[in-house]
């Protein structure tokens, strides 16, 4: 006997993506071992899959446009946090300043 949909527990992996619709993600699948990764934007999340727009038409189901169903285990959210050694103004790598003034001993 199947449980009704309203009593099923939400998949925590999908909930993370559901709260980030419009965010950029990186696809890291089996081809990642060969260096192939793709970048896209989350457009929708259903009960099993995350739909990502990778910038090209869906080759299997053209009527849904650029959205391609992707399993959440193959996706990583891209962070927009700048690294500590980047320029706050332009985001490029900045030269690290020399060591701070040494403390007196």
N, C-alpha and C. Protein backbone atom coordinates (compact mmCIF):
# COMPACT_ATOMS: atom_id res chain seq x y z
N UNK A 1 0.84 -1.18 0.00
CA UNK A 1 0.00 0.00 0.00
C UNK A 1 0.89 1.24 0.00
N UNK A 2 0.57 2.16 -0.90
CA UNK A 2 1.36 3.39 -1.00
C UNK A 2 0.83 4.46 -0.07
N UNK A 3 1.73 5.26 0.43
CA UNK A 3 1.33 6.38 1.27
C UNK A 3 0.82 7.51 0.39
N UNK A 4 -0.15 8.25 0.84
CA UNK A 4 -0.57 9.44 0.09
C UNK A 4 0.57 10.45 0.01
N UNK A 5 0.58 11.24 -1.06
CA UNK A 5 1.66 12.19 -1.30
C UNK A 5 1.86 13.16 -0.14
N UNK A 6 0.78 13.56 0.52
CA UNK A 6 0.92 14.57 1.56
C UNK A 6 1.60 14.04 2.82
N UNK A 7 1.69 12.71 2.99
CA UNK A 7 2.32 12.17 4.18
C UNK A 7 3.74 11.68 3.91
N UNK A 8 4.20 11.75 2.66
CA UNK A 8 5.57 11.36 2.37
C UNK A 8 6.53 12.42 2.90
N UNK A 9 7.68 11.97 3.36
CA UNK A 9 8.67 12.92 3.85
C UNK A 9 9.37 13.58 2.67
N UNK A 10 9.66 14.85 2.81
CA UNK A 10 10.36 15.58 1.75
C UNK A 10 11.80 15.11 1.67
N UNK A 11 12.31 15.03 0.47
CA UNK A 11 13.69 14.65 0.25
C UNK A 11 14.57 15.86 0.59
N UNK A 12 15.44 15.77 1.58
CA UNK A 12 16.24 16.92 1.98
C UNK A 12 17.14 17.43 0.86
N UNK A 13 17.63 16.54 0.00
CA UNK A 13 18.48 16.98 -1.12
C UNK A 13 17.68 17.87 -2.07
N UNK A 14 16.42 17.54 -2.30
CA UNK A 14 15.59 18.36 -3.18
C UNK A 14 15.19 19.66 -2.51
N UNK A 15 14.98 19.65 -1.21
CA UNK A 15 14.58 20.86 -0.50
C UNK A 15 15.65 21.94 -0.60
N UNK A 16 16.90 21.55 -0.59
CA UNK A 16 17.99 22.52 -0.73
C UNK A 16 17.86 23.24 -2.06
N UNK A 17 17.63 22.48 -3.14
CA UNK A 17 17.52 23.08 -4.48
C UNK A 17 16.21 23.84 -4.64
N UNK A 18 15.15 23.38 -3.97
CA UNK A 18 13.85 24.06 -4.08
C UNK A 18 13.95 25.49 -3.54
N UNK A 19 14.78 25.69 -2.55
CA UNK A 19 14.95 27.03 -1.97
C UNK A 19 15.94 27.88 -2.76
N UNK A 20 16.54 27.31 -3.79
CA UNK A 20 17.53 28.05 -4.58
C UNK A 20 17.15 28.11 -6.06
N UNK A 21 15.87 28.16 -6.39
CA UNK A 21 15.46 28.30 -7.79
C UNK A 21 16.00 29.63 -8.30
N UNK A 22 16.65 29.60 -9.45
CA UNK A 22 17.29 30.78 -10.01
C UNK A 22 18.78 30.84 -9.71
N UNK A 23 19.27 29.96 -8.83
CA UNK A 23 20.69 29.95 -8.48
C UNK A 23 21.48 29.15 -9.52
N UNK A 24 22.77 29.46 -9.62
CA UNK A 24 23.64 28.74 -10.55
C UNK A 24 24.12 27.44 -9.89
N UNK A 25 24.21 26.38 -10.71
CA UNK A 25 24.69 25.08 -10.24
C UNK A 25 25.73 24.54 -11.22
N UNK A 26 26.51 23.61 -10.73
CA UNK A 26 27.48 22.90 -11.56
C UNK A 26 27.06 21.44 -11.60
N UNK A 27 26.99 20.88 -12.82
CA UNK A 27 26.68 19.46 -13.01
C UNK A 27 27.98 18.69 -12.95
N UNK A 28 28.05 17.73 -12.04
CA UNK A 28 29.22 16.87 -11.91
C UNK A 28 28.71 15.44 -11.94
N UNK A 29 28.72 14.84 -13.10
CA UNK A 29 28.22 13.47 -13.25
C UNK A 29 29.35 12.49 -13.45
N UNK A 30 29.05 11.38 -14.10
CA UNK A 30 30.05 10.35 -14.35
C UNK A 30 31.16 10.86 -15.26
N UNK A 31 30.83 11.81 -16.14
CA UNK A 31 31.84 12.35 -17.06
C UNK A 31 32.83 13.26 -16.35
N UNK A 32 32.59 13.58 -15.09
CA UNK A 32 33.47 14.49 -14.36
C UNK A 32 34.89 13.93 -14.25
N UNK A 33 35.01 12.60 -14.28
CA UNK A 33 36.34 12.00 -14.21
C UNK A 33 37.16 12.37 -15.43
N UNK A 34 36.49 12.65 -16.54
CA UNK A 34 37.19 13.05 -17.76
C UNK A 34 37.28 14.57 -17.86
N UNK A 35 36.84 15.29 -16.84
CA UNK A 35 36.95 16.73 -16.83
C UNK A 35 35.75 17.47 -17.39
N UNK A 36 34.67 16.76 -17.71
CA UNK A 36 33.49 17.41 -18.28
C UNK A 36 32.54 17.84 -17.17
N UNK A 37 32.30 19.13 -17.07
CA UNK A 37 31.31 19.66 -16.15
C UNK A 37 30.47 20.66 -16.92
N UNK A 38 29.26 20.92 -16.44
CA UNK A 38 28.38 21.89 -17.07
C UNK A 38 27.86 22.84 -16.01
N UNK A 39 27.57 24.06 -16.40
CA UNK A 39 27.03 25.07 -15.51
C UNK A 39 25.65 25.46 -16.01
N UNK A 40 24.72 25.65 -15.08
CA UNK A 40 23.37 26.04 -15.46
C UNK A 40 22.67 26.76 -14.33
N UNK A 41 21.37 26.99 -14.54
CA UNK A 41 20.53 27.71 -13.58
C UNK A 41 19.33 26.83 -13.26
N UNK A 42 18.99 26.71 -11.98
CA UNK A 42 17.83 25.92 -11.55
C UNK A 42 16.56 26.64 -11.98
N UNK A 43 15.67 25.93 -12.70
CA UNK A 43 14.41 26.54 -13.12
C UNK A 43 13.20 25.93 -12.43
N UNK A 44 13.32 24.70 -11.92
CA UNK A 44 12.19 24.05 -11.25
C UNK A 44 12.68 22.83 -10.49
N UNK A 45 11.88 22.38 -9.53
CA UNK A 45 12.17 21.17 -8.76
C UNK A 45 10.85 20.45 -8.58
N UNK A 46 10.81 19.15 -8.88
CA UNK A 46 9.59 18.38 -8.61
C UNK A 46 9.88 17.38 -7.50
N UNK A 47 9.11 16.31 -7.41
CA UNK A 47 9.26 15.36 -6.31
C UNK A 47 10.47 14.43 -6.45
N UNK A 48 11.13 14.41 -7.65
CA UNK A 48 12.29 13.54 -7.84
C UNK A 48 13.51 14.21 -8.42
N UNK A 49 13.29 15.21 -9.28
CA UNK A 49 14.38 15.76 -10.06
C UNK A 49 14.47 17.29 -9.96
N UNK A 50 15.64 17.80 -10.32
CA UNK A 50 15.87 19.23 -10.40
C UNK A 50 15.97 19.56 -11.89
N UNK A 51 15.26 20.60 -12.33
CA UNK A 51 15.29 21.00 -13.73
C UNK A 51 16.24 22.17 -13.89
N UNK A 52 17.23 21.98 -14.75
CA UNK A 52 18.30 22.95 -14.91
C UNK A 52 18.35 23.42 -16.36
N UNK A 53 18.52 24.73 -16.55
CA UNK A 53 18.71 25.31 -17.87
C UNK A 53 20.20 25.43 -18.10
N UNK A 54 20.74 24.59 -19.02
CA UNK A 54 22.16 24.61 -19.32
C UNK A 54 22.48 25.52 -20.50
N UNK A 55 21.45 26.15 -21.09
CA UNK A 55 21.68 27.07 -22.19
C UNK A 55 21.50 26.48 -23.57
N UNK A 56 21.04 25.24 -23.64
CA UNK A 56 20.75 24.64 -24.95
C UNK A 56 19.44 23.88 -24.84
N UNK A 57 18.74 23.67 -25.97
CA UNK A 57 17.43 23.00 -25.92
C UNK A 57 17.53 21.56 -25.42
N UNK A 58 16.48 21.13 -24.75
CA UNK A 58 16.40 19.77 -24.26
C UNK A 58 16.37 18.82 -25.47
N UNK A 59 17.34 17.91 -25.60
CA UNK A 59 17.40 17.05 -26.77
C UNK A 59 16.34 15.95 -26.78
N UNK A 60 15.74 15.65 -25.64
CA UNK A 60 14.76 14.57 -25.56
C UNK A 60 13.33 15.09 -25.61
N UNK A 61 13.05 16.16 -24.89
CA UNK A 61 11.69 16.69 -24.76
C UNK A 61 11.72 18.19 -25.09
N UNK A 62 11.67 18.50 -26.39
CA UNK A 62 11.84 19.89 -26.84
C UNK A 62 10.74 20.82 -26.34
N UNK A 63 9.55 20.29 -26.03
CA UNK A 63 8.45 21.16 -25.61
C UNK A 63 8.65 21.81 -24.25
N UNK A 64 9.63 21.37 -23.45
CA UNK A 64 9.89 22.04 -22.17
C UNK A 64 11.04 23.03 -22.27
N UNK A 65 11.49 23.33 -23.48
CA UNK A 65 12.51 24.37 -23.67
C UNK A 65 13.89 23.90 -23.28
N UNK A 66 14.59 24.71 -22.51
CA UNK A 66 15.96 24.41 -22.13
C UNK A 66 16.06 23.64 -20.81
N UNK A 67 14.95 23.37 -20.14
CA UNK A 67 15.00 22.67 -18.86
C UNK A 67 15.34 21.20 -19.07
N UNK A 68 16.34 20.72 -18.36
CA UNK A 68 16.75 19.33 -18.44
C UNK A 68 16.71 18.74 -17.05
N UNK A 69 16.01 17.61 -16.89
CA UNK A 69 15.90 16.96 -15.58
C UNK A 69 17.25 16.38 -15.19
N UNK A 70 17.67 16.70 -13.97
CA UNK A 70 18.97 16.26 -13.47
C UNK A 70 18.79 15.74 -12.05
N UNK A 71 19.41 14.62 -11.75
CA UNK A 71 19.31 14.07 -10.39
C UNK A 71 20.09 14.97 -9.44
N UNK A 72 19.54 15.26 -8.25
CA UNK A 72 20.21 16.19 -7.32
C UNK A 72 21.60 15.75 -6.88
N UNK A 73 21.88 14.46 -6.90
CA UNK A 73 23.22 14.01 -6.47
C UNK A 73 24.31 14.42 -7.46
N UNK A 74 23.92 14.82 -8.68
CA UNK A 74 24.89 15.24 -9.69
C UNK A 74 25.12 16.75 -9.69
N UNK A 75 24.46 17.48 -8.81
CA UNK A 75 24.53 18.94 -8.83
C UNK A 75 25.22 19.49 -7.59
N UNK A 76 25.92 20.59 -7.77
CA UNK A 76 26.53 21.34 -6.67
C UNK A 76 26.16 22.80 -6.85
N UNK A 77 25.69 23.43 -5.79
CA UNK A 77 25.39 24.86 -5.86
C UNK A 77 26.70 25.63 -6.00
N UNK A 78 26.71 26.62 -6.88
CA UNK A 78 27.88 27.47 -7.02
C UNK A 78 27.78 28.56 -5.97
N UNK A 79 28.88 28.83 -5.29
CA UNK A 79 28.88 29.87 -4.27
C UNK A 79 29.31 31.19 -4.91
N UNK A 80 28.79 32.26 -4.37
CA UNK A 80 29.15 33.57 -4.87
C UNK A 80 30.07 34.29 -3.89
N UNK A 81 30.53 33.58 -2.89
CA UNK A 81 31.41 34.17 -1.89
C UNK A 81 32.80 34.29 -2.49
N UNK A 82 33.38 35.47 -2.42
CA UNK A 82 34.72 35.69 -2.96
C UNK A 82 35.76 35.04 -2.06
N UNK A 83 36.81 34.60 -2.66
CA UNK A 83 37.90 34.02 -1.89
C UNK A 83 38.60 35.11 -1.10
N UNK A 84 39.31 34.71 -0.08
CA UNK A 84 39.96 35.69 0.80
C UNK A 84 41.04 36.48 0.09
N UNK A 85 41.64 35.92 -0.97
CA UNK A 85 42.73 36.63 -1.64
C UNK A 85 42.27 37.29 -2.93
N UNK A 86 41.00 37.67 -3.04
CA UNK A 86 40.52 38.38 -4.21
C UNK A 86 40.18 39.81 -3.85
N UNK A 87 40.19 40.65 -4.87
CA UNK A 87 39.90 42.07 -4.69
C UNK A 87 38.40 42.25 -4.45
N UNK A 88 38.02 43.01 -3.43
CA UNK A 88 36.61 43.25 -3.13
C UNK A 88 35.93 44.05 -4.23
N UNK A 89 36.70 44.88 -4.92
CA UNK A 89 36.13 45.76 -5.94
C UNK A 89 35.82 45.02 -7.24
N UNK A 90 36.80 44.30 -7.79
CA UNK A 90 36.61 43.70 -9.11
C UNK A 90 36.58 42.18 -9.10
N UNK A 91 36.89 41.52 -8.00
CA UNK A 91 36.84 40.07 -7.90
C UNK A 91 38.04 39.36 -8.49
N UNK A 92 39.03 40.08 -8.98
CA UNK A 92 40.22 39.44 -9.54
C UNK A 92 41.20 39.10 -8.43
N UNK A 93 42.11 38.23 -8.75
CA UNK A 93 43.10 37.85 -7.75
C UNK A 93 43.98 39.04 -7.43
N UNK A 94 44.09 39.34 -6.18
CA UNK A 94 44.89 40.47 -5.74
C UNK A 94 46.21 39.96 -5.17
N UNK A 95 47.23 40.77 -5.28
CA UNK A 95 48.51 40.40 -4.69
C UNK A 95 48.36 40.42 -3.18
N UNK A 96 48.81 39.38 -2.56
CA UNK A 96 48.72 39.34 -1.11
C UNK A 96 49.75 40.28 -0.51
N UNK A 97 49.35 41.07 0.45
CA UNK A 97 50.33 41.95 1.09
C UNK A 97 51.34 41.12 1.86
N UNK A 98 52.45 41.74 2.17
CA UNK A 98 53.47 41.06 2.94
C UNK A 98 52.96 40.68 4.31
N UNK A 99 53.79 40.02 5.07
CA UNK A 99 53.35 39.60 6.41
C UNK A 99 53.08 40.82 7.28
N UNK A 100 52.21 40.71 8.23
CA UNK A 100 51.95 41.86 9.13
C UNK A 100 53.20 42.16 9.94
N UNK A 101 53.19 43.32 10.54
CA UNK A 101 54.32 43.73 11.37
C UNK A 101 54.51 42.68 12.45
N UNK A 102 55.73 42.18 12.57
CA UNK A 102 55.94 41.12 13.58
C UNK A 102 55.68 41.64 14.99
N UNK A 103 55.11 40.79 15.80
CA UNK A 103 54.84 41.15 17.19
C UNK A 103 56.15 41.21 17.95
N UNK A 104 56.21 42.13 18.91
CA UNK A 104 57.43 42.21 19.74
C UNK A 104 57.49 41.00 20.64
N UNK A 105 58.70 40.62 20.89
CA UNK A 105 58.87 39.40 21.70
C UNK A 105 59.25 39.75 23.09
